[in-house]
Amino acid sequence: MDDGIGKTIKLFLLWWSLYFATLIIGTILGHIFKNIEFMKWALVAGYLLIIVLFFGKGYVKLSFGRIEKPMVWPAVGMSVLIATSQAFVLFSALSLLDVDLLYQGEELERRQQFFSGIAGALNACIFGPIMEEICFRGLILDGLLKTRCRPWLAILISALLFALLHGLGANFVTAMLFGILVGWLYWRTGSIIPGIIIHITNNSLTAIDISNQTNAFYLIILVVSLVLLVYGVWWFWKKSINDSATS
């Protein structure tokens, strides 16, 4: 087995073991104390441990990759723009098509309870996104890109695995599209940071409610957001990268 892919597999197994252990410990604590808050804070601690371990040990590089220094802060702003615009493109398009891929009923209530409060917000909006980017872009996609795997195939594989983590139901399609977008950005920039910013912003935007609006409203949001999304992607393609540099 190639040393590079072998190392990637070992690190993925380490990530998955720690992630699974965190879920188990959190669940046990929640049942023992009969309080979901114990579970949520256990997840905060476990997620933070994974993040510190993988960045601290250099298993995943926390750098701006091929993004040129003068473009670092514009890249941060463009990452926020892409995150916001893609979220509104998706939501407005689904609303116009009268298609609901989001959680409903008891599942929605359960998730709202789980992600409520300080610990829930930290898990959903900060530590969870960072941890997932470490795994699916920093480990899996990076490992595939270092093999003979074609970039588009590597991006699709990592996006598919990312989508499967979110289940085969409600969020599979949206997670797959999201994974392709941030995967492309990782391939383009050699940096995990844009993906982290986009992931954190995207998850934080779930607090905004623009449901029950008119079709005209959704159409305007769709057009404006799509233009901004295309511009953000074009910016990363044309403006931010020194193609002669290596990651």
C-alpha atoms as a PDB file:
ATOM      1  CA  MET A   1       0.000   0.000   0.000  1.00  0.00           C
ATOM      2  CA  ASP A   2       1.294   3.478  -0.870  1.00  0.00           C
ATOM      3  CA  ASP A   3       2.690   5.230   2.228  1.00  0.00           C
ATOM      4  CA  GLY A   4       0.580   8.332   1.562  1.00  0.00           C
ATOM      5  CA  ILE A   5      -2.777   6.577   1.265  1.00  0.00           C
ATOM      6  CA  GLY A   6      -1.812   4.238   4.114  1.00  0.00           C
ATOM      7  CA  LYS A   7      -1.212   7.234   6.376  1.00  0.00           C
ATOM      8  CA  THR A   8      -4.514   8.773   5.292  1.00  0.00           C
ATOM      9  CA  ILE A   9      -6.399   5.577   6.180  1.00  0.00           C
ATOM     10  CA  LYS A  10      -4.719   5.386   9.590  1.00  0.00           C
ATOM     11  CA  LEU A  11      -5.548   9.014  10.360  1.00  0.00           C
ATOM     12  CA  PHE A  12      -9.137   8.537   9.179  1.00  0.00           C
ATOM     13  CA  LEU A  13      -9.507   5.514  11.463  1.00  0.00           C
ATOM     14  CA  LEU A  14      -8.093   7.580  14.324  1.00  0.00           C
ATOM     15  CA  TRP A  15     -10.557  10.402  13.580  1.00  0.00           C
ATOM     16  CA  TRP A  16     -13.480   7.984  13.324  1.00  0.00           C
ATOM     17  CA  SER A  17     -12.521   6.164  16.540  1.00  0.00           C
ATOM     18  CA  LEU A  18     -12.340   9.419  18.494  1.00  0.00           C
ATOM     19  CA  TYR A  19     -15.572  10.666  16.936  1.00  0.00           C
ATOM     20  CA  PHE A  20     -17.421   7.431  17.728  1.00  0.00           C
ATOM     21  CA  ALA A  21     -16.002   7.346  21.269  1.00  0.00           C
ATOM     22  CA  THR A  22     -17.185  10.922  21.795  1.00  0.00           C
ATOM     23  CA  LEU A  23     -20.717  10.004  20.717  1.00  0.00           C
ATOM     24  CA  ILE A  24     -20.757   6.928  22.980  1.00  0.00           C
ATOM     25  CA  ILE A  25     -19.440   8.776  26.038  1.00  0.00           C
ATOM     26  CA  GLY A  26     -21.840  11.667  25.457  1.00  0.00           C
ATOM     27  CA  THR A  27     -24.795   9.315  25.114  1.00  0.00           C
ATOM     28  CA  ILE A  28     -23.851   7.431  28.295  1.00  0.00           C
ATOM     29  CA  LEU A  29     -23.496  10.647  30.284  1.00  0.00           C
ATOM     30  CA  GLY A  30     -26.819  11.902  28.969  1.00  0.00           C
ATOM     31  CA  HIS A  31     -28.554   8.713  30.133  1.00  0.00           C
ATOM     32  CA  ILE A  32     -26.788   8.582  33.506  1.00  0.00           C
ATOM     33  CA  PHE A  33     -27.680  12.149  34.439  1.00  0.00           C
ATOM     34  CA  LYS A  34     -30.942  12.103  32.457  1.00  0.00           C
ATOM     35  CA  ASN A  35     -30.011  15.469  30.988  1.00  0.00           C
ATOM     36  CA  ILE A  36     -29.115  16.103  27.341  1.00  0.00           C
ATOM     37  CA  GLU A  37     -26.886  19.014  28.373  1.00  0.00           C
ATOM     38  CA  PHE A  38     -24.312  16.554  29.739  1.00  0.00           C
ATOM     39  CA  MET A  39     -24.254  14.861  26.358  1.00  0.00           C
ATOM     40  CA  LYS A  40     -23.846  18.141  24.497  1.00  0.00           C
ATOM     41  CA  TRP A  41     -20.957  19.313  26.673  1.00  0.00           C
ATOM     42  CA  ALA A  42     -19.281  15.912  26.316  1.00  0.00           C
ATOM     43  CA  LEU A  43     -19.445  16.381  22.553  1.00  0.00           C
ATOM     44  CA  VAL A  44     -17.935  19.856  22.878  1.00  0.00           C
ATOM     45  CA  ALA A  45     -15.009  18.394  24.822  1.00  0.00           C
ATOM     46  CA  GLY A  46     -14.566  15.476  22.415  1.00  0.00           C
ATOM     47  CA  TYR A  47     -14.773  17.610  19.289  1.00  0.00           C
ATOM     48  CA  LEU A  48     -12.292  20.103  20.727  1.00  0.00           C
ATOM     49  CA  LEU A  49      -9.888  17.262  21.557  1.00  0.00           C
ATOM     50  CA  ILE A  50     -10.034  15.992  17.960  1.00  0.00           C
ATOM     51  CA  ILE A  51      -9.461  19.469  16.545  1.00  0.00           C
ATOM     52  CA  VAL A  52      -6.484  20.222  18.816  1.00  0.00           C
ATOM     53  CA  LEU A  53      -4.958  16.797  18.148  1.00  0.00           C
ATOM     54  CA  PHE A  54      -5.159  16.913  14.357  1.00  0.00           C
ATOM     55  CA  PHE A  55      -4.032  20.518  13.975  1.00  0.00           C
ATOM     56  CA  GLY A  56      -1.542  20.401  16.853  1.00  0.00           C
ATOM     57  CA  LYS A  57       0.168  17.251  15.582  1.00  0.00           C
ATOM     58  CA  GLY A  58       0.166  18.559  12.023  1.00  0.00           C
ATOM     59  CA  TYR A  59      -1.963  15.683  10.735  1.00  0.00           C
ATOM     60  CA  VAL A  60      -3.942  18.347   8.878  1.00  0.00           C
ATOM     61  CA  LYS A  61      -2.273  21.581   7.841  1.00  0.00           C
ATOM     62  CA  LEU A  62      -3.992  24.766   9.053  1.00  0.00           C
ATOM     63  CA  SER A  63      -2.697  27.234   6.496  1.00  0.00           C
ATOM     64  CA  PHE A  64      -3.874  29.355   3.581  1.00  0.00           C
ATOM     65  CA  GLY A  65      -2.158  27.037   1.096  1.00  0.00           C
ATOM     66  CA  ARG A  66      -1.739  28.655  -2.313  1.00  0.00           C
ATOM     67  CA  ILE A  67      -3.738  31.757  -1.442  1.00  0.00           C
ATOM     68  CA  GLU A  68      -1.369  34.706  -1.852  1.00  0.00           C
ATOM     69  CA  LYS A  69      -0.756  36.800   1.263  1.00  0.00           C
ATOM     70  CA  PRO A  70      -2.368  40.006  -0.076  1.00  0.00           C
ATOM     71  CA  MET A  71      -5.475  37.944  -0.859  1.00  0.00           C
ATOM     72  CA  VAL A  72      -5.904  36.307   2.548  1.00  0.00           C
ATOM     73  CA  TRP A  73      -8.499  38.682   3.971  1.00  0.00           C
ATOM     74  CA  PRO A  74     -10.369  39.033   0.667  1.00  0.00           C
ATOM     75  CA  ALA A  75     -10.452  35.210   0.586  1.00  0.00           C
ATOM     76  CA  VAL A  76     -12.033  35.186   4.043  1.00  0.00           C
ATOM     77  CA  GLY A  77     -14.673  37.655   2.869  1.00  0.00           C
ATOM     78  CA  MET A  78     -15.313  35.681  -0.307  1.00  0.00           C
ATOM     79  CA  SER A  79     -15.699  32.499   1.723  1.00  0.00           C
ATOM     80  CA  VAL A  80     -18.447  34.152   3.768  1.00  0.00           C
ATOM     81  CA  LEU A  81     -20.051  35.414   0.547  1.00  0.00           C
ATOM     82  CA  ILE A  82     -20.028  31.937  -0.997  1.00  0.00           C
ATOM     83  CA  ALA A  83     -21.447  30.365   2.171  1.00  0.00           C
ATOM     84  CA  THR A  84     -24.287  32.874   2.395  1.00  0.00           C
ATOM     85  CA  SER A  85     -25.148  32.876  -1.286  1.00  0.00           C
ATOM     86  CA  GLN A  86     -25.130  29.071  -1.689  1.00  0.00           C
ATOM     87  CA  ALA A  87     -27.387  28.694   1.350  1.00  0.00           C
ATOM     88  CA  PHE A  88     -29.933  31.146  -0.055  1.00  0.00           C
ATOM     89  CA  VAL A  89     -29.700  29.665  -3.558  1.00  0.00           C
ATOM     90  CA  LEU A  90     -30.556  26.251  -2.204  1.00  0.00           C
ATOM     91  CA  PHE A  91     -33.347  27.370   0.107  1.00  0.00           C
ATOM     92  CA  SER A  92     -35.011  29.666  -2.439  1.00  0.00           C
ATOM     93  CA  ALA A  93     -34.785  27.048  -5.218  1.00  0.00           C
ATOM     94  CA  LEU A  94     -36.374  24.374  -3.022  1.00  0.00           C
ATOM     95  CA  SER A  95     -39.074  26.809  -1.951  1.00  0.00           C
ATOM     96  CA  LEU A  96     -39.911  27.683  -5.565  1.00  0.00           C
ATOM     97  CA  LEU A  97     -40.053  23.997  -6.471  1.00  0.00           C
ATOM     98  CA  ASP A  98     -42.127  23.286  -3.362  1.00  0.00           C
ATOM     99  CA  VAL A  99     -39.637  20.605  -2.395  1.00  0.00           C
ATOM    100  CA  ASP A 100     -38.828  20.155   1.266  1.00  0.00           C
ATOM    101  CA  LEU A 101     -35.564  18.355   1.992  1.00  0.00           C
ATOM    102  CA  LEU A 102     -35.265  19.673   5.515  1.00  0.00           C
ATOM    103  CA  TYR A 103     -36.117  17.904   8.740  1.00  0.00           C
ATOM    104  CA  GLN A 104     -39.740  17.839   9.809  1.00  0.00           C
ATOM    105  CA  GLY A 105     -41.915  16.808  12.735  1.00  0.00           C
ATOM    106  CA  GLU A 106     -40.328  14.904  15.598  1.00  0.00           C
ATOM    107  CA  GLU A 107     -36.935  14.798  13.902  1.00  0.00           C
ATOM    108  CA  LEU A 108     -36.940  18.599  13.599  1.00  0.00           C
ATOM    109  CA  GLU A 109     -37.893  19.007  17.264  1.00  0.00           C
ATOM    110  CA  ARG A 110     -35.194  16.563  18.347  1.00  0.00           C
ATOM    111  CA  ARG A 111     -32.510  18.392  16.384  1.00  0.00           C
ATOM    112  CA  GLN A 112     -33.650  21.783  17.658  1.00  0.00           C
ATOM    113  CA  GLN A 113     -33.377  20.518  21.231  1.00  0.00           C
ATOM    114  CA  PHE A 114     -29.983  18.958  20.583  1.00  0.00           C
ATOM    115  CA  PHE A 115     -28.517  22.095  19.026  1.00  0.00           C
ATOM    116  CA  SER A 116     -30.077  24.587  21.445  1.00  0.00           C
ATOM    117  CA  GLY A 117     -28.123  26.410  24.134  1.00  0.00           C
ATOM    118  CA  ILE A 118     -24.439  27.310  24.244  1.00  0.00           C
ATOM    119  CA  ALA A 119     -23.125  23.752  23.949  1.00  0.00           C
ATOM    120  CA  GLY A 120     -25.503  22.954  21.093  1.00  0.00           C
ATOM    121  CA  ALA A 121     -24.493  26.097  19.217  1.00  0.00           C
ATOM    122  CA  LEU A 122     -20.793  25.338  19.686  1.00  0.00           C
ATOM    123  CA  ASN A 123     -21.290  21.820  18.326  1.00  0.00           C
ATOM    124  CA  ALA A 124     -23.466  22.807  15.372  1.00  0.00           C
ATOM    125  CA  CYS A 125     -21.831  26.069  14.326  1.00  0.00           C
ATOM    126  CA  ILE A 126     -18.148  25.864  15.289  1.00  0.00           C
ATOM    127  CA  PHE A 127     -16.581  22.618  16.479  1.00  0.00           C
ATOM    128  CA  GLY A 128     -18.733  20.263  14.396  1.00  0.00           C
ATOM    129  CA  PRO A 129     -17.973  22.040  11.100  1.00  0.00           C
ATOM    130  CA  ILE A 130     -14.239  22.262  11.854  1.00  0.00           C
ATOM    131  CA  MET A 131     -14.087  18.590  12.786  1.00  0.00           C
ATOM    132  CA  GLU A 132     -15.909  17.537   9.604  1.00  0.00           C
ATOM    133  CA  GLU A 133     -13.622  19.656   7.439  1.00  0.00           C
ATOM    134  CA  ILE A 134     -10.614  18.015   9.069  1.00  0.00           C
ATOM    135  CA  CYS A 135     -11.935  14.589   8.112  1.00  0.00           C
ATOM    136  CA  PHE A 136     -13.488  15.033   4.685  1.00  0.00           C
ATOM    137  CA  ARG A 137     -11.268  17.703   3.163  1.00  0.00           C
ATOM    138  CA  GLY A 138      -8.112  17.679   5.297  1.00  0.00           C
ATOM    139  CA  LEU A 139      -7.762  13.883   5.377  1.00  0.00           C
ATOM    140  CA  ILE A 140      -9.876  12.102   2.760  1.00  0.00           C
ATOM    141  CA  LEU A 141      -9.791  14.611  -0.101  1.00  0.00           C
ATOM    142  CA  ASP A 142      -6.185  15.590   0.545  1.00  0.00           C
ATOM    143  CA  GLY A 143      -5.173  11.936   0.617  1.00  0.00           C
ATOM    144  CA  LEU A 144      -6.979  11.177  -2.648  1.00  0.00           C
ATOM    145  CA  LEU A 145      -5.473  14.211  -4.359  1.00  0.00           C
ATOM    146  CA  LYS A 146      -2.000  12.964  -3.473  1.00  0.00           C
ATOM    147  CA  THR A 147      -2.653   9.717  -5.355  1.00  0.00           C
ATOM    148  CA  ARG A 148      -3.289   9.248  -9.067  1.00  0.00           C
ATOM    149  CA  CYS A 149      -6.995   9.839  -8.478  1.00  0.00           C
ATOM    150  CA  ARG A 150      -8.347  12.539 -10.785  1.00  0.00           C
ATOM    151  CA  PRO A 151      -9.289  15.736  -8.898  1.00  0.00           C
ATOM    152  CA  TRP A 152     -12.958  15.643  -9.960  1.00  0.00           C
ATOM    153  CA  LEU A 153     -13.268  12.031  -8.804  1.00  0.00           C
ATOM    154  CA  ALA A 154     -11.509  12.761  -5.514  1.00  0.00           C
ATOM    155  CA  ILE A 155     -13.894  15.654  -4.905  1.00  0.00           C
ATOM    156  CA  LEU A 156     -16.932  13.492  -5.682  1.00  0.00           C
ATOM    157  CA  ILE A 157     -15.761  10.654  -3.422  1.00  0.00           C
ATOM    158  CA  SER A 158     -15.109  12.949  -0.465  1.00  0.00           C
ATOM    159  CA  ALA A 159     -18.440  14.733  -1.043  1.00  0.00           C
ATOM    160  CA  LEU A 160     -20.292  11.406  -1.181  1.00  0.00           C
ATOM    161  CA  LEU A 161     -18.759  10.231   2.084  1.00  0.00           C
ATOM    162  CA  PHE A 162     -19.573  13.599   3.653  1.00  0.00           C
ATOM    163  CA  ALA A 163     -23.186  13.301   2.494  1.00  0.00           C
ATOM    164  CA  LEU A 164     -23.469   9.740   3.826  1.00  0.00           C
ATOM    165  CA  LEU A 165     -22.409  10.973   7.271  1.00  0.00           C
ATOM    166  CA  HIS A 166     -25.486  13.205   7.209  1.00  0.00           C
ATOM    167  CA  GLY A 167     -27.788  10.289   6.390  1.00  0.00           C
ATOM    168  CA  LEU A 168     -29.632   8.996   3.329  1.00  0.00           C
ATOM    169  CA  GLY A 169     -32.719  11.076   4.024  1.00  0.00           C
ATOM    170  CA  ALA A 170     -33.302  14.765   4.372  1.00  0.00           C
ATOM    171  CA  ASN A 171     -29.882  16.316   3.971  1.00  0.00           C
ATOM    172  CA  PHE A 172     -28.117  13.876   1.625  1.00  0.00           C
ATOM    173  CA  VAL A 173     -28.560  15.920  -1.575  1.00  0.00           C
ATOM    174  CA  THR A 174     -27.760  19.251   0.047  1.00  0.00           C
ATOM    175  CA  ALA A 175     -24.717  17.801   1.847  1.00  0.00           C
ATOM    176  CA  MET A 176     -23.467  16.276  -1.419  1.00  0.00           C
ATOM    177  CA  LEU A 177     -23.666  19.606  -3.243  1.00  0.00           C
ATOM    178  CA  PHE A 178     -22.045  21.364  -0.308  1.00  0.00           C
ATOM    179  CA  GLY A 179     -19.248  18.785  -0.254  1.00  0.00           C
ATOM    180  CA  ILE A 180     -18.564  19.301  -3.956  1.00  0.00           C
ATOM    181  CA  LEU A 181     -18.349  23.064  -3.493  1.00  0.00           C
ATOM    182  CA  VAL A 182     -15.949  23.070  -0.534  1.00  0.00           C
ATOM    183  CA  GLY A 183     -14.035  20.159  -2.042  1.00  0.00           C
ATOM    184  CA  TRP A 184     -13.420  22.181  -5.189  1.00  0.00           C
ATOM    185  CA  LEU A 185     -12.238  25.097  -3.052  1.00  0.00           C
ATOM    186  CA  TYR A 186      -9.811  22.833  -1.200  1.00  0.00           C
ATOM    187  CA  TRP A 187      -8.437  21.496  -4.482  1.00  0.00           C
ATOM    188  CA  ARG A 188      -8.129  25.022  -5.866  1.00  0.00           C
ATOM    189  CA  THR A 189      -6.512  26.664  -2.849  1.00  0.00           C
ATOM    190  CA  GLY A 190      -4.736  23.823  -1.045  1.00  0.00           C
ATOM    191  CA  SER A 191      -6.230  25.247   2.138  1.00  0.00           C
ATOM    192  CA  ILE A 192      -8.801  23.925   4.593  1.00  0.00           C
ATOM    193  CA  ILE A 193      -9.569  27.437   5.881  1.00  0.00           C
ATOM    194  CA  PRO A 194     -12.087  28.548   3.199  1.00  0.00           C
ATOM    195  CA  GLY A 195     -14.046  25.336   3.764  1.00  0.00           C
ATOM    196  CA  ILE A 196     -14.063  25.874   7.530  1.00  0.00           C
ATOM    197  CA  ILE A 197     -15.311  29.446   7.125  1.00  0.00           C
ATOM    198  CA  ILE A 198     -18.007  28.372   4.664  1.00  0.00           C
ATOM    199  CA  HIS A 199     -19.091  25.439   6.843  1.00  0.00           C
ATOM    200  CA  ILE A 200     -19.316  27.563  10.007  1.00  0.00           C
ATOM    201  CA  THR A 201     -21.211  30.323   8.193  1.00  0.00           C
ATOM    202  CA  ASN A 202     -23.556  27.871   6.493  1.00  0.00           C
ATOM    203  CA  ASN A 203     -24.498  26.146   9.747  1.00  0.00           C
ATOM    204  CA  SER A 204     -24.930  29.466  11.532  1.00  0.00           C
ATOM    205  CA  LEU A 205     -27.367  30.661   8.854  1.00  0.00           C
ATOM    206  CA  THR A 206     -29.883  27.993   9.885  1.00  0.00           C
ATOM    207  CA  ALA A 207     -31.033  30.437  12.568  1.00  0.00           C
ATOM    208  CA  ILE A 208     -32.440  32.713   9.834  1.00  0.00           C
ATOM    209  CA  ASP A 209     -36.058  31.976   8.943  1.00  0.00           C
ATOM    210  CA  ILE A 210     -37.299  33.170   5.532  1.00  0.00           C
ATOM    211  CA  SER A 211     -40.032  30.577   5.131  1.00  0.00           C
ATOM    212  CA  ASN A 212     -43.647  31.348   4.124  1.00  0.00           C
ATOM    213  CA  GLN A 213     -42.673  34.080   1.654  1.00  0.00           C
ATOM    214  CA  THR A 214     -44.044  34.747  -1.815  1.00  0.00           C
ATOM    215  CA  ASN A 215     -42.638  33.112  -4.955  1.00  0.00           C
ATOM    216  CA  ALA A 216     -41.559  36.540  -6.190  1.00  0.00           C
ATOM    217  CA  PHE A 217     -39.483  37.001  -3.037  1.00  0.00           C
ATOM    218  CA  TYR A 218     -37.811  33.604  -3.487  1.00  0.00           C
ATOM    219  CA  LEU A 219     -37.148  34.309  -7.169  1.00  0.00           C
ATOM    220  CA  ILE A 220     -35.380  37.575  -6.353  1.00  0.00           C
ATOM    221  CA  ILE A 221     -33.334  35.897  -3.621  1.00  0.00           C
ATOM    222  CA  LEU A 222     -32.450  33.056  -6.007  1.00  0.00           C
ATOM    223  CA  VAL A 223     -31.239  35.336  -8.809  1.00  0.00           C
ATOM    224  CA  VAL A 224     -29.233  37.663  -6.560  1.00  0.00           C
ATOM    225  CA  SER A 225     -27.697  34.809  -4.571  1.00  0.00           C
ATOM    226  CA  LEU A 226     -26.814  32.861  -7.705  1.00  0.00           C
ATOM    227  CA  VAL A 227     -24.993  35.866  -9.161  1.00  0.00           C
ATOM    228  CA  LEU A 228     -23.052  36.328  -5.918  1.00  0.00           C
ATOM    229  CA  LEU A 229     -22.232  32.613  -5.741  1.00  0.00           C
ATOM    230  CA  VAL A 230     -20.888  32.568  -9.301  1.00  0.00           C
ATOM    231  CA  TYR A 231     -18.827  35.683  -8.592  1.00  0.00           C
ATOM    232  CA  GLY A 232     -17.365  34.126  -5.428  1.00  0.00           C
ATOM    233  CA  VAL A 233     -16.375  30.934  -7.255  1.00  0.00           C
ATOM    234  CA  TRP A 234     -14.933  32.963 -10.154  1.00  0.00           C
ATOM    235  CA  TRP A 235     -12.898  35.027  -7.692  1.00  0.00           C
ATOM    236  CA  PHE A 236     -11.282  31.929  -6.211  1.00  0.00           C
ATOM    237  CA  TRP A 237     -10.633  30.587  -9.697  1.00  0.00           C
ATOM    238  CA  LYS A 238      -9.069  33.740 -11.130  1.00  0.00           C
ATOM    239  CA  LYS A 239      -7.904  36.097  -8.420  1.00  0.00           C
ATOM    240  CA  SER A 240      -6.715  34.414  -5.244  1.00  0.00           C
ATOM    241  CA  ILE A 241      -4.199  31.803  -6.316  1.00  0.00           C
ATOM    242  CA  ASN A 242      -0.545  31.866  -7.303  1.00  0.00           C
ATOM    243  CA  ASP A 243      -0.563  28.934  -9.729  1.00  0.00           C
ATOM    244  CA  SER A 244       3.224  28.781  -9.764  1.00  0.00           C
ATOM    245  CA  ALA A 245       3.296  28.180  -6.008  1.00  0.00           C
ATOM    246  CA  THR A 246       3.117  24.797  -4.394  1.00  0.00           C
ATOM    247  CA  SER A 247       0.899  23.920  -1.436  1.00  0.00           C
END
